[in-house]
Amino acid sequence: MLERRGQPLLSRRAFARRMARSAAAALGLIGGSLAVGVVGYHASAGLGWIDSLLNASMILSGMGPVSPLHGTAAKLFAAFYALFSGVVFIASVGVMVAPIAHRLLHRFHLDTDEQQGRRKGAES
């Protein structure tokens, strides 16, 4: 999926496609997690669909719940969903940053390899 050390740097167009795929994967992860939260709040807390969407969105974004929760099942779901949301946030940021970090490191290694090649050529 990613180019190896000896391969040339991707073109800007190919890199833009890679970033678009990463963004789509991150949005899919966030969308799926939001769906889990909406269904979970609707089932465990008995909230309507819009209130469930609001609560799941607020938890997933790190803002906190909006509606007061009554009952042990709703509170347990909210606790586990909050922990799950933290992991999803970290994972989605990683998915988005990975191509950028790889491109920077790949460029650094290409520059290093070129400098070493010049040194070897000068020594010969």
PDB file of N, CA and C in Angstrom:
ATOM      1  N   MET A   1       0.821  -1.188   0.000  1.00  0.00           N
ATOM      2  CA  MET A   1       0.000   0.000   0.000  1.00  0.00           C
ATOM      3  C   MET A   1       0.872   1.262   0.000  1.00  0.00           C
ATOM      4  N   LEU A   2       1.946   1.257   0.775  1.00  0.00           N
ATOM      5  CA  LEU A   2       2.846   2.401   0.826  1.00  0.00           C
ATOM      6  C   LEU A   2       4.131   2.061   0.095  1.00  0.00           C
ATOM      7  N   GLU A   3       4.760   3.085  -0.477  1.00  0.00           N
ATOM      8  CA  GLU A   3       5.992   2.832  -1.214  1.00  0.00           C
ATOM      9  C   GLU A   3       7.126   2.497  -0.255  1.00  0.00           C
ATOM     10  N   ARG A   4       8.035   1.700  -0.748  1.00  0.00           N
ATOM     11  CA  ARG A   4       9.178   1.274   0.059  1.00  0.00           C
ATOM     12  C   ARG A   4      10.295   2.298  -0.032  1.00  0.00           C
ATOM     13  N   ARG A   5      11.326   2.064   0.753  1.00  0.00           N
ATOM     14  CA  ARG A   5      12.418   3.027   0.888  1.00  0.00           C
ATOM     15  C   ARG A   5      13.103   3.345  -0.447  1.00  0.00           C
ATOM     16  N   GLY A   6      13.327   2.369  -1.272  1.00  0.00           N
ATOM     17  CA  GLY A   6      14.032   2.613  -2.524  1.00  0.00           C
ATOM     18  C   GLY A   6      13.166   3.185  -3.632  1.00  0.00           C
ATOM     19  N   GLN A   7      11.857   3.216  -3.450  1.00  0.00           N
ATOM     20  CA  GLN A   7      10.953   3.708  -4.485  1.00  0.00           C
ATOM     21  C   GLN A   7      10.876   5.235  -4.459  1.00  0.00           C
ATOM     22  N   PRO A   8      10.568   5.838  -5.602  1.00  0.00           N
ATOM     23  CA  PRO A   8      10.473   7.300  -5.640  1.00  0.00           C
ATOM     24  C   PRO A   8       9.243   7.799  -4.869  1.00  0.00           C
ATOM     25  N   LEU A   9       9.261   9.073  -4.547  1.00  0.00           N
ATOM     26  CA  LEU A   9       8.155   9.720  -3.857  1.00  0.00           C
ATOM     27  C   LEU A   9       6.934   9.728  -4.766  1.00  0.00           C
ATOM     28  N   LEU A  10       5.760   9.529  -4.191  1.00  0.00           N
ATOM     29  CA  LEU A  10       4.523   9.544  -4.980  1.00  0.00           C
ATOM     30  C   LEU A  10       4.289  10.926  -5.577  1.00  0.00           C
ATOM     31  N   SER A  11       3.599  10.944  -6.694  1.00  0.00           N
ATOM     32  CA  SER A  11       3.219  12.228  -7.278  1.00  0.00           C
ATOM     33  C   SER A  11       2.169  12.892  -6.385  1.00  0.00           C
ATOM     34  N   ARG A  12       1.969  14.175  -6.583  1.00  0.00           N
ATOM     35  CA  ARG A  12       0.973  14.897  -5.778  1.00  0.00           C
ATOM     36  C   ARG A  12      -0.428  14.333  -6.001  1.00  0.00           C
ATOM     37  N   ARG A  13      -0.723  13.957  -7.221  1.00  0.00           N
ATOM     38  CA  ARG A  13      -2.054  13.410  -7.534  1.00  0.00           C
ATOM     39  C   ARG A  13      -2.270  12.070  -6.817  1.00  0.00           C
ATOM     40  N   ALA A  14      -1.269  11.201  -6.852  1.00  0.00           N
ATOM     41  CA  ALA A  14      -1.384   9.906  -6.168  1.00  0.00           C
ATOM     42  C   ALA A  14      -1.451  10.096  -4.653  1.00  0.00           C
ATOM     43  N   PHE A  15      -0.696  11.069  -4.134  1.00  0.00           N
ATOM     44  CA  PHE A  15      -0.751  11.360  -2.705  1.00  0.00           C
ATOM     45  C   PHE A  15      -2.124  11.904  -2.314  1.00  0.00           C
ATOM     46  N   ALA A  16      -2.712  12.734  -3.162  1.00  0.00           N
ATOM     47  CA  ALA A  16      -4.061  13.252  -2.893  1.00  0.00           C
ATOM     48  C   ALA A  16      -5.080  12.106  -2.859  1.00  0.00           C
ATOM     49  N   ARG A  17      -4.917  11.130  -3.762  1.00  0.00           N
ATOM     50  CA  ARG A  17      -5.810   9.957  -3.736  1.00  0.00           C
ATOM     51  C   ARG A  17      -5.619   9.162  -2.444  1.00  0.00           C
ATOM     52  N   ARG A  18      -4.365   9.020  -2.021  1.00  0.00           N
ATOM     53  CA  ARG A  18      -4.087   8.305  -0.767  1.00  0.00           C
ATOM     54  C   ARG A  18      -4.726   9.027   0.412  1.00  0.00           C
ATOM     55  N   MET A  19      -4.622  10.342   0.436  1.00  0.00           N
ATOM     56  CA  MET A  19      -5.235  11.125   1.514  1.00  0.00           C
ATOM     57  C   MET A  19      -6.762  11.008   1.480  1.00  0.00           C
ATOM     58  N   ALA A  20      -7.332  10.981   0.282  1.00  0.00           N
ATOM     59  CA  ALA A  20      -8.787  10.830   0.158  1.00  0.00           C
ATOM     60  C   ALA A  20      -9.230   9.468   0.687  1.00  0.00           C
ATOM     61  N   ARG A  21      -8.457   8.421   0.390  1.00  0.00           N
ATOM     62  CA  ARG A  21      -8.793   7.091   0.923  1.00  0.00           C
ATOM     63  C   ARG A  21      -8.684   7.071   2.444  1.00  0.00           C
ATOM     64  N   SER A  22      -7.672   7.732   2.982  1.00  0.00           N
ATOM     65  CA  SER A  22      -7.519   7.792   4.437  1.00  0.00           C
ATOM     66  C   SER A  22      -8.666   8.564   5.078  1.00  0.00           C
ATOM     67  N   ALA A  23      -9.052   9.661   4.453  1.00  0.00           N
ATOM     68  CA  ALA A  23     -10.172  10.445   4.973  1.00  0.00           C
ATOM     69  C   ALA A  23     -11.465   9.636   4.917  1.00  0.00           C
ATOM     70  N   ALA A  24     -11.667   8.900   3.836  1.00  0.00           N
ATOM     71  CA  ALA A  24     -12.864   8.059   3.730  1.00  0.00           C
ATOM     72  C   ALA A  24     -12.865   6.971   4.797  1.00  0.00           C
ATOM     73  N   ALA A  25     -11.704   6.379   5.052  1.00  0.00           N
ATOM     74  CA  ALA A  25     -11.617   5.344   6.091  1.00  0.00           C
ATOM     75  C   ALA A  25     -11.902   5.938   7.471  1.00  0.00           C
ATOM     76  N   ALA A  26     -11.347   7.118   7.746  1.00  0.00           N
ATOM     77  CA  ALA A  26     -11.582   7.767   9.037  1.00  0.00           C
ATOM     78  C   ALA A  26     -13.048   8.150   9.190  1.00  0.00           C
ATOM     79  N   LEU A  27     -13.649   8.684   8.129  1.00  0.00           N
ATOM     80  CA  LEU A  27     -15.069   9.036   8.193  1.00  0.00           C
ATOM     81  C   LEU A  27     -15.942   7.800   8.357  1.00  0.00           C
ATOM     82  N   GLY A  28     -15.558   6.705   7.714  1.00  0.00           N
ATOM     83  CA  GLY A  28     -16.299   5.453   7.901  1.00  0.00           C
ATOM     84  C   GLY A  28     -16.214   4.957   9.330  1.00  0.00           C
ATOM     85  N   LEU A  29     -15.028   5.053   9.913  1.00  0.00           N
ATOM     86  CA  LEU A  29     -14.846   4.654  11.309  1.00  0.00           C
ATOM     87  C   LEU A  29     -15.686   5.520  12.239  1.00  0.00           C
ATOM     88  N   ILE A  30     -15.670   6.818  12.008  1.00  0.00           N
ATOM     89  CA  ILE A  30     -16.454   7.733  12.840  1.00  0.00           C
ATOM     90  C   ILE A  30     -17.940   7.514  12.616  1.00  0.00           C
ATOM     91  N   GLY A  31     -18.353   7.329  11.366  1.00  0.00           N
ATOM     92  CA  GLY A  31     -19.766   7.096  11.070  1.00  0.00           C
ATOM     93  C   GLY A  31     -20.289   5.806  11.694  1.00  0.00           C
ATOM     94  N   GLY A  32     -19.489   4.750  11.603  1.00  0.00           N
ATOM     95  CA  GLY A  32     -19.889   3.490  12.227  1.00  0.00           C
ATOM     96  C   GLY A  32     -19.971   3.606  13.737  1.00  0.00           C
ATOM     97  N   SER A  33     -19.037   4.328  14.318  1.00  0.00           N
ATOM     98  CA  SER A  33     -19.049   4.528  15.765  1.00  0.00           C
ATOM     99  C   SER A  33     -20.236   5.379  16.198  1.00  0.00           C
ATOM    100  N   LEU A  34     -20.573   6.358  15.388  1.00  0.00           N
ATOM    101  CA  LEU A  34     -21.739   7.180  15.684  1.00  0.00           C
ATOM    102  C   LEU A  34     -23.011   6.340  15.617  1.00  0.00           C
ATOM    103  N   ALA A  35     -23.087   5.450  14.639  1.00  0.00           N
ATOM    104  CA  ALA A  35     -24.255   4.569  14.528  1.00  0.00           C
ATOM    105  C   ALA A  35     -24.384   3.659  15.750  1.00  0.00           C
ATOM    106  N   VAL A  36     -23.254   3.128  16.226  1.00  0.00           N
ATOM    107  CA  VAL A  36     -23.264   2.297  17.434  1.00  0.00           C
ATOM    108  C   VAL A  36     -23.798   3.107  18.611  1.00  0.00           C
ATOM    109  N   GLY A  37     -23.351   4.347  18.740  1.00  0.00           N
ATOM    110  CA  GLY A  37     -23.797   5.199  19.836  1.00  0.00           C
ATOM    111  C   GLY A  37     -25.267   5.537  19.760  1.00  0.00           C
ATOM    112  N   VAL A  38     -25.758   5.845  18.570  1.00  0.00           N
ATOM    113  CA  VAL A  38     -27.173   6.193  18.407  1.00  0.00           C
ATOM    114  C   VAL A  38     -28.050   5.009  18.779  1.00  0.00           C
ATOM    115  N   VAL A  39     -27.733   3.844  18.254  1.00  0.00           N
ATOM    116  CA  VAL A  39     -28.529   2.650  18.560  1.00  0.00           C
ATOM    117  C   VAL A  39     -28.412   2.300  20.046  1.00  0.00           C
ATOM    118  N   GLY A  40     -27.215   2.434  20.602  1.00  0.00           N
ATOM    119  CA  GLY A  40     -27.016   2.121  22.010  1.00  0.00           C
ATOM    120  C   GLY A  40     -27.794   3.039  22.938  1.00  0.00           C
ATOM    121  N   TYR A  41     -27.760   4.339  22.676  1.00  0.00           N
ATOM    122  CA  TYR A  41     -28.526   5.268  23.506  1.00  0.00           C
ATOM    123  C   TYR A  41     -30.022   5.051  23.345  1.00  0.00           C
ATOM    124  N   HIS A  42     -30.445   4.766  22.120  1.00  0.00           N
ATOM    125  CA  HIS A  42     -31.870   4.520  21.889  1.00  0.00           C
ATOM    126  C   HIS A  42     -32.332   3.271  22.633  1.00  0.00           C
ATOM    127  N   ALA A  43     -31.530   2.219  22.598  1.00  0.00           N
ATOM    128  CA  ALA A  43     -31.923   0.952  23.231  1.00  0.00           C
ATOM    129  C   ALA A  43     -31.752   0.973  24.744  1.00  0.00           C
ATOM    130  N   SER A  44     -30.643   1.529  25.236  1.00  0.00           N
ATOM    131  CA  SER A  44     -30.376   1.442  26.672  1.00  0.00           C
ATOM    132  C   SER A  44     -31.022   2.551  27.479  1.00  0.00           C
ATOM    133  N   ALA A  45     -31.116   3.759  26.919  1.00  0.00           N
ATOM    134  CA  ALA A  45     -31.654   4.888  27.674  1.00  0.00           C
ATOM    135  C   ALA A  45     -33.082   5.227  27.288  1.00  0.00           C
ATOM    136  N   GLY A  46     -33.568   4.616  26.219  1.00  0.00           N
ATOM    137  CA  GLY A  46     -34.929   4.900  25.790  1.00  0.00           C
ATOM    138  C   GLY A  46     -35.093   6.293  25.202  1.00  0.00           C
ATOM    139  N   LEU A  47     -34.013   6.890  24.732  1.00  0.00           N
ATOM    140  CA  LEU A  47     -34.086   8.217  24.123  1.00  0.00           C
ATOM    141  C   LEU A  47     -34.620   8.107  22.701  1.00  0.00           C
ATOM    142  N   GLY A  48     -35.215   9.191  22.213  1.00  0.00           N
ATOM    143  CA  GLY A  48     -35.640   9.240  20.818  1.00  0.00           C
ATOM    144  C   GLY A  48     -34.421   9.248  19.916  1.00  0.00           C
ATOM    145  N   TRP A  49     -34.662   9.072  18.620  1.00  0.00           N
ATOM    146  CA  TRP A  49     -33.548   8.957  17.686  1.00  0.00           C
ATOM    147  C   TRP A  49     -32.724  10.245  17.622  1.00  0.00           C
ATOM    148  N   ILE A  50     -33.381  11.389  17.633  1.00  0.00           N
ATOM    149  CA  ILE A  50     -32.643  12.660  17.554  1.00  0.00           C
ATOM    150  C   ILE A  50     -31.849  12.900  18.837  1.00  0.00           C
ATOM    151  N   ASP A  51     -32.460  12.619  19.988  1.00  0.00           N
ATOM    152  CA  ASP A  51     -31.725  12.770  21.251  1.00  0.00           C
ATOM    153  C   ASP A  51     -30.563  11.774  21.336  1.00  0.00           C
ATOM    154  N   SER A  52     -30.785  10.584  20.820  1.00  0.00           N
ATOM    155  CA  SER A  52     -29.707   9.591  20.794  1.00  0.00           C
ATOM    156  C   SER A  52     -28.565  10.060  19.903  1.00  0.00           C
ATOM    157  N   LEU A  53     -28.909  10.634  18.749  1.00  0.00           N
ATOM    158  CA  LEU A  53     -27.893  11.173  17.851  1.00  0.00           C
ATOM    159  C   LEU A  53     -27.134  12.308  18.529  1.00  0.00           C
ATOM    160  N   LEU A  54     -27.839  13.177  19.210  1.00  0.00           N
ATOM    161  CA  LEU A  54     -27.191  14.291  19.897  1.00  0.00           C
ATOM    162  C   LEU A  54     -26.232  13.789  20.975  1.00  0.00           C
ATOM    163  N   ASN A  55     -26.688  12.868  21.807  1.00  0.00           N
ATOM    164  CA  ASN A  55     -25.824  12.343  22.866  1.00  0.00           C
ATOM    165  C   ASN A  55     -24.618  11.607  22.302  1.00  0.00           C
ATOM    166  N   ALA A  56     -24.829  10.769  21.294  1.00  0.00           N
ATOM    167  CA  ALA A  56     -23.714  10.027  20.698  1.00  0.00           C
ATOM    168  C   ALA A  56     -22.717  10.982  20.045  1.00  0.00           C
ATOM    169  N   SER A  57     -23.207  12.005  19.369  1.00  0.00           N
ATOM    170  CA  SER A  57     -22.323  12.985  18.736  1.00  0.00           C
ATOM    171  C   SER A  57     -21.506  13.743  19.769  1.00  0.00           C
ATOM    172  N   MET A  58     -22.144  14.121  20.858  1.00  0.00           N
ATOM    173  CA  MET A  58     -21.443  14.883  21.887  1.00  0.00           C
ATOM    174  C   MET A  58     -20.384  14.021  22.575  1.00  0.00           C
ATOM    175  N   ILE A  59     -20.703  12.775  22.855  1.00  0.00           N
ATOM    176  CA  ILE A  59     -19.722  11.885  23.480  1.00  0.00           C
ATOM    177  C   ILE A  59     -18.569  11.617  22.508  1.00  0.00           C
ATOM    178  N   LEU A  60     -18.898  11.338  21.249  1.00  0.00           N
ATOM    179  CA  LEU A  60     -17.870  11.017  20.258  1.00  0.00           C
ATOM    180  C   LEU A  60     -16.936  12.199  20.013  1.00  0.00           C
ATOM    181  N   SER A  61     -17.456  13.410  20.144  1.00  0.00           N
ATOM    182  CA  SER A  61     -16.616  14.591  19.932  1.00  0.00           C
ATOM    183  C   SER A  61     -15.891  15.030  21.197  1.00  0.00           C
ATOM    184  N   GLY A  62     -16.181  14.374  22.321  1.00  0.00           N
ATOM    185  CA  GLY A  62     -15.499  14.697  23.564  1.00  0.00           C
ATOM    186  C   GLY A  62     -16.174  15.764  24.399  1.00  0.00           C
ATOM    187  N   MET A  63     -17.373  16.154  24.042  1.00  0.00           N
ATOM    188  CA  MET A  63     -18.063  17.217  24.765  1.00  0.00           C
ATOM    189  C   MET A  63     -18.812  16.715  25.999  1.00  0.00           C
ATOM    190  N   GLY A  64     -19.300  15.497  25.966  1.00  0.00           N
ATOM    191  CA  GLY A  64     -20.042  14.947  27.102  1.00  0.00           C
ATOM    192  C   GLY A  64     -21.511  14.793  26.787  1.00  0.00           C
ATOM    193  N   PRO A  65     -22.223  14.041  27.611  1.00  0.00           N
ATOM    194  CA  PRO A  65     -23.639  13.777  27.344  1.00  0.00           C
ATOM    195  C   PRO A  65     -24.500  15.019  27.554  1.00  0.00           C
ATOM    196  N   VAL A  66     -25.653  15.029  26.912  1.00  0.00           N
ATOM    197  CA  VAL A  66     -26.588  16.147  27.007  1.00  0.00           C
ATOM    198  C   VAL A  66     -27.776  15.767  27.883  1.00  0.00           C
ATOM    199  N   SER A  67     -28.387  14.626  27.594  1.00  0.00           N
ATOM    200  CA  SER A  67     -29.577  14.191  28.323  1.00  0.00           C
ATOM    201  C   SER A  67     -29.176  13.465  29.599  1.00  0.00           C
ATOM    202  N   PRO A  68     -29.918  13.706  30.681  1.00  0.00           N
ATOM    203  CA  PRO A  68     -29.645  12.925  31.903  1.00  0.00           C
ATOM    204  C   PRO A  68     -30.014  11.458  31.670  1.00  0.00           C
ATOM    205  N   LEU A  69     -29.197  10.580  32.187  1.00  0.00           N
ATOM    206  CA  LEU A  69     -29.427   9.149  31.989  1.00  0.00           C
ATOM    207  C   LEU A  69     -29.986   8.542  33.268  1.00  0.00           C
ATOM    208  N   HIS A  70     -31.028   7.746  33.111  1.00  0.00           N
ATOM    209  CA  HIS A  70     -31.650   7.063  34.242  1.00  0.00           C
ATOM    210  C   HIS A  70     -31.516   5.568  34.012  1.00  0.00           C
ATOM    211  N   GLY A  71     -31.138   4.868  35.016  1.00  0.00           N
ATOM    212  CA  GLY A  71     -31.004   3.419  34.915  1.00  0.00           C
ATOM    213  C   GLY A  71     -29.557   2.999  34.756  1.00  0.00           C
ATOM    214  N   THR A  72     -29.297   1.824  35.289  1.00  0.00           N
ATOM    215  CA  THR A  72     -27.937   1.294  35.279  1.00  0.00           C
ATOM    216  C   THR A  72     -27.458   0.966  33.875  1.00  0.00           C
ATOM    217  N   ALA A  73     -28.324   0.391  33.060  1.00  0.00           N
ATOM    218  CA  ALA A  73     -27.924   0.003  31.700  1.00  0.00           C
ATOM    219  C   ALA A  73     -27.501   1.219  30.887  1.00  0.00           C
ATOM    220  N   ALA A  74     -28.244   2.298  30.972  1.00  0.00           N
ATOM    221  CA  ALA A  74     -27.913   3.512  30.218  1.00  0.00           C
ATOM    222  C   ALA A  74     -26.592   4.101  30.693  1.00  0.00           C
ATOM    223  N   LYS A  75     -26.364   4.097  31.985  1.00  0.00           N
ATOM    224  CA  LYS A  75     -25.127   4.659  32.524  1.00  0.00           C
ATOM    225  C   LYS A  75     -23.919   3.794  32.167  1.00  0.00           C
ATOM    226  N   LEU A  76     -24.097   2.486  32.211  1.00  0.00           N
ATOM    227  CA  LEU A  76     -23.005   1.592  31.804  1.00  0.00           C
ATOM    228  C   LEU A  76     -22.693   1.748  30.325  1.00  0.00           C
ATOM    229  N   PHE A  77     -23.744   1.832  29.501  1.00  0.00           N
ATOM    230  CA  PHE A  77     -23.501   2.042  28.073  1.00  0.00           C
ATOM    231  C   PHE A  77     -22.748   3.344  27.842  1.00  0.00           C
ATOM    232  N   ALA A  78     -23.176   4.412  28.506  1.00  0.00           N
ATOM    233  CA  ALA A  78     -22.524   5.712  28.330  1.00  0.00           C
ATOM    234  C   ALA A  78     -21.051   5.648  28.742  1.00  0.00           C
ATOM    235  N   ALA A  79     -20.767   4.935  29.825  1.00  0.00           N
ATOM    236  CA  ALA A  79     -19.373   4.820  30.276  1.00  0.00           C
ATOM    237  C   ALA A  79     -18.530   4.074  29.250  1.00  0.00           C
ATOM    238  N   PHE A  80     -19.016   2.935  28.779  1.00  0.00           N
ATOM    239  CA  PHE A  80     -18.251   2.163  27.801  1.00  0.00           C
ATOM    240  C   PHE A  80     -18.170   2.870  26.450  1.00  0.00           C
ATOM    241  N   TYR A  81     -19.230   3.565  26.067  1.00  0.00           N
ATOM    242  CA  TYR A  81     -19.212   4.298  24.804  1.00  0.00           C
ATOM    243  C   TYR A  81     -18.216   5.465  24.871  1.00  0.00           C
ATOM    244  N   ALA A  82     -18.105   6.091  26.019  1.00  0.00           N
ATOM    245  CA  ALA A  82     -17.132   7.172  26.173  1.00  0.00           C
ATOM    246  C   ALA A  82     -15.708   6.644  26.028  1.00  0.00           C
ATOM    247  N   LEU A  83     -15.408   5.505  26.640  1.00  0.00           N
ATOM    248  CA  LEU A  83     -14.076   4.899  26.491  1.00  0.00           C
ATOM    249  C   LEU A  83     -13.824   4.486  25.041  1.00  0.00           C
ATOM    250  N   PHE A  84     -14.823   3.882  24.445  1.00  0.00           N
ATOM    251  CA  PHE A  84     -14.736   3.470  23.039  1.00  0.00           C
ATOM    252  C   PHE A  84     -14.505   4.685  22.143  1.00  0.00           C
ATOM    253  N   SER A  85     -15.180   5.784  22.434  1.00  0.00           N
ATOM    254  CA  SER A  85     -15.049   6.994  21.623  1.00  0.00           C
ATOM    255  C   SER A  85     -13.639   7.568  21.689  1.00  0.00           C
ATOM    256  N   GLY A  86     -13.005   7.473  22.837  1.00  0.00           N
ATOM    257  CA  GLY A  86     -11.623   7.937  22.943  1.00  0.00           C
ATOM    258  C   GLY A  86     -10.696   7.140  22.051  1.00  0.00           C
ATOM    259  N   VAL A  87     -10.886   5.838  22.008  1.00  0.00           N
ATOM    260  CA  VAL A  87     -10.064   4.981  21.147  1.00  0.00           C
ATOM    261  C   VAL A  87     -10.343   5.277  19.673  1.00  0.00           C
ATOM    262  N   VAL A  88     -11.612   5.492  19.335  1.00  0.00           N
ATOM    263  CA  VAL A  88     -11.976   5.814  17.954  1.00  0.00           C
ATOM    264  C   VAL A  88     -11.346   7.133  17.530  1.00  0.00           C
ATOM    265  N   PHE A  89     -11.331   8.109  18.420  1.00  0.00           N
ATOM    266  CA  PHE A  89     -10.716   9.394  18.095  1.00  0.00           C
ATOM    267  C   PHE A  89      -9.230   9.215  17.782  1.00  0.00           C
ATOM    268  N   ILE A  90      -8.528   8.501  18.638  1.00  0.00           N
ATOM    269  CA  ILE A  90      -7.097   8.276  18.426  1.00  0.00           C
ATOM    270  C   ILE A  90      -6.861   7.504  17.129  1.00  0.00           C
ATOM    271  N   ALA A  91      -7.672   6.484  16.881  1.00  0.00           N
ATOM    272  CA  ALA A  91      -7.509   5.683  15.663  1.00  0.00           C
ATOM    273  C   ALA A  91      -7.786   6.511  14.412  1.00  0.00           C
ATOM    274  N   SER A  92      -8.834   7.324  14.429  1.00  0.00           N
ATOM    275  CA  SER A  92      -9.154   8.115  13.237  1.00  0.00           C
ATOM    276  C   SER A  92      -8.091   9.172  12.966  1.00  0.00           C
ATOM    277  N   VAL A  93      -7.534   9.761  14.004  1.00  0.00           N
ATOM    278  CA  VAL A  93      -6.431  10.710  13.809  1.00  0.00           C
ATOM    279  C   VAL A  93      -5.218   9.974  13.236  1.00  0.00           C
ATOM    280  N   GLY A  94      -4.940   8.781  13.734  1.00  0.00           N
ATOM    281  CA  GLY A  94      -3.829   7.988  13.204  1.00  0.00           C
ATOM    282  C   GLY A  94      -4.011   7.650  11.740  1.00  0.00           C
ATOM    283  N   VAL A  95      -5.227   7.307  11.357  1.00  0.00           N
ATOM    284  CA  VAL A  95      -5.509   6.981   9.955  1.00  0.00           C
ATOM    285  C   VAL A  95      -5.289   8.204   9.074  1.00  0.00           C
ATOM    286  N   MET A  96      -5.644   9.382   9.568  1.00  0.00           N
ATOM    287  CA  MET A  96      -5.472  10.602   8.779  1.00  0.00           C
ATOM    288  C   MET A  96      -4.012  11.073   8.723  1.00  0.00           C
ATOM    289  N   VAL A  97      -3.274  10.882   9.804  1.00  0.00           N
ATOM    290  CA  VAL A  97      -1.904  11.385   9.875  1.00  0.00           C
ATOM    291  C   VAL A  97      -0.909  10.417   9.228  1.00  0.00           C
ATOM    292  N   ALA A  98      -1.235   9.147   9.159  1.00  0.00           N
ATOM    293  CA  ALA A  98      -0.286   8.140   8.654  1.00  0.00           C
ATOM    294  C   ALA A  98       0.269   8.460   7.270  1.00  0.00           C
ATOM    295  N   PRO A  99      -0.552   8.821   6.283  1.00  0.00           N
ATOM    296  CA  PRO A  99       0.036   9.119   4.967  1.00  0.00           C
ATOM    297  C   PRO A  99       0.963  10.333   4.987  1.00  0.00           C
ATOM    298  N   ILE A 100       0.618  11.328   5.778  1.00  0.00           N
ATOM    299  CA  ILE A 100       1.458  12.530   5.866  1.00  0.00           C
ATOM    300  C   ILE A 100       2.794  12.185   6.516  1.00  0.00           C
ATOM    301  N   ALA A 101       2.735  11.466   7.618  1.00  0.00           N
ATOM    302  CA  ALA A 101       3.966  11.071   8.303  1.00  0.00           C
ATOM    303  C   ALA A 101       4.827  10.184   7.406  1.00  0.00           C
ATOM    304  N   HIS A 102       4.193   9.258   6.694  1.00  0.00           N
ATOM    305  CA  HIS A 102       4.947   8.381   5.802  1.00  0.00           C
ATOM    306  C   HIS A 102       5.616   9.181   4.698  1.00  0.00           C
ATOM    307  N   ARG A 103       4.907  10.137   4.131  1.00  0.00           N
ATOM    308  CA  ARG A 103       5.489  10.947   3.055  1.00  0.00           C
ATOM    309  C   ARG A 103       6.691  11.748   3.562  1.00  0.00           C
ATOM    310  N   LEU A 104       6.562  12.340   4.743  1.00  0.00           N
ATOM    311  CA  LEU A 104       7.672  13.106   5.311  1.00  0.00           C
ATOM    312  C   LEU A 104       8.886  12.212   5.577  1.00  0.00           C
ATOM    313  N   LEU A 105       8.643  11.054   6.183  1.00  0.00           N
ATOM    314  CA  LEU A 105       9.753  10.141   6.466  1.00  0.00           C
ATOM    315  C   LEU A 105      10.366   9.592   5.178  1.00  0.00           C
ATOM    316  N   HIS A 106       9.521   9.306   4.200  1.00  0.00           N
ATOM    317  CA  HIS A 106      10.029   8.788   2.932  1.00  0.00           C
ATOM    318  C   HIS A 106      10.895   9.842   2.248  1.00  0.00           C
ATOM    319  N   ARG A 107      10.450  11.078   2.259  1.00  0.00           N
ATOM    320  CA  ARG A 107      11.239  12.155   1.660  1.00  0.00           C
ATOM    321  C   ARG A 107      12.567  12.313   2.391  1.00  0.00           C
ATOM    322  N   PHE A 108      12.527  12.229   3.725  1.00  0.00           N
ATOM    323  CA  PHE A 108      13.750  12.323   4.521  1.00  0.00           C
ATOM    324  C   PHE A 108      14.721  11.209   4.144  1.00  0.00           C
ATOM    325  N   HIS A 109      14.213   9.984   4.004  1.00  0.00           N
ATOM    326  CA  HIS A 109      15.083   8.866   3.650  1.00  0.00           C
ATOM    327  C   HIS A 109      15.618   9.006   2.232  1.00  0.00           C
ATOM    328  N   LEU A 110      14.822   9.527   1.312  1.00  0.00           N
ATOM    329  CA  LEU A 110      15.311   9.736  -0.048  1.00  0.00           C
ATOM    330  C   LEU A 110      16.432  10.763  -0.052  1.00  0.00           C
ATOM    331  N   ASP A 111      16.251  11.845   0.712  1.00  0.00           N
ATOM    332  CA  ASP A 111      17.311  12.854   0.800  1.00  0.00           C
ATOM    333  C   ASP A 111      18.575  12.252   1.395  1.00  0.00           C
ATOM    334  N   THR A 112      18.432  11.446   2.427  1.00  0.00           N
ATOM    335  CA  THR A 112      19.580  10.809   3.069  1.00  0.00           C
ATOM    336  C   THR A 112      20.277   9.852   2.100  1.00  0.00           C
ATOM    337  N   ASP A 113      19.504   9.060   1.370  1.00  0.00           N
ATOM    338  CA  ASP A 113      20.081   8.125   0.403  1.00  0.00           C
ATOM    339  C   ASP A 113      20.818   8.865  -0.710  1.00  0.00           C
ATOM    340  N   GLU A 114      20.257   9.996  -1.173  1.00  0.00           N
ATOM    341  CA  GLU A 114      20.915  10.772  -2.223  1.00  0.00           C
ATOM    342  C   GLU A 114      22.237  11.349  -1.721  1.00  0.00           C
ATOM    343  N   GLN A 115      22.262  11.832  -0.491  1.00  0.00           N
ATOM    344  CA  GLN A 115      23.490  12.385   0.071  1.00  0.00           C
ATOM    345  C   GLN A 115      24.551  11.304   0.223  1.00  0.00           C
ATOM    346  N   GLN A 116      24.133  10.122   0.660  1.00  0.00           N
ATOM    347  CA  GLN A 116      25.094   9.022   0.793  1.00  0.00           C
ATOM    348  C   GLN A 116      25.614   8.607  -0.579  1.00  0.00           C
ATOM    349  N   GLY A 117      24.744   8.631  -1.596  1.00  0.00           N
ATOM    350  CA  GLY A 117      25.167   8.288  -2.954  1.00  0.00           C
ATOM    351  C   GLY A 117      26.172   9.275  -3.490  1.00  0.00           C
ATOM    352  N   ARG A 118      25.994  10.564  -3.179  1.00  0.00           N
ATOM    353  CA  ARG A 118      26.955  11.584  -3.609  1.00  0.00           C
ATOM    354  C   ARG A 118      28.307  11.389  -2.922  1.00  0.00           C
ATOM    355  N   ARG A 119      28.270  11.041  -1.642  1.00  0.00           N
ATOM    356  CA  ARG A 119      29.516  10.812  -0.911  1.00  0.00           C
ATOM    357  C   ARG A 119      30.271   9.618  -1.489  1.00  0.00           C
ATOM    358  N   LYS A 120      29.531   8.548  -1.782  1.00  0.00           N
ATOM    359  CA  LYS A 120      30.190   7.370  -2.343  1.00  0.00           C
ATOM    360  C   LYS A 120      30.770   7.670  -3.718  1.00  0.00           C
ATOM    361  N   GLY A 121      30.040   8.485  -4.499  1.00  0.00           N
ATOM    362  CA  GLY A 121      30.539   8.851  -5.830  1.00  0.00           C
ATOM    363  C   GLY A 121      31.770   9.724  -5.747  1.00  0.00           C
ATOM    364  N   ALA A 122      31.832  10.596  -4.752  1.00  0.00           N
ATOM    365  CA  ALA A 122      32.991  11.483  -4.577  1.00  0.00           C
ATOM    366  C   ALA A 122      34.202  10.703  -4.104  1.00  0.00           C
ATOM    367  N   GLU A 123      33.971   9.627  -3.326  1.00  0.00           N
ATOM    368  CA  GLU A 123      35.070   8.826  -2.804  1.00  0.00           C
ATOM    369  C   GLU A 123      35.697   7.950  -3.890  1.00  0.00           C
ATOM    370  N   SER A 124      34.907   7.593  -4.911  1.00  0.00           N
ATOM    371  CA  SER A 124      35.422   6.689  -5.942  1.00  0.00           C
ATOM    372  C   SER A 124      36.407   7.304  -6.865  1.00  0.00           C
TER     373      SER A 124
END
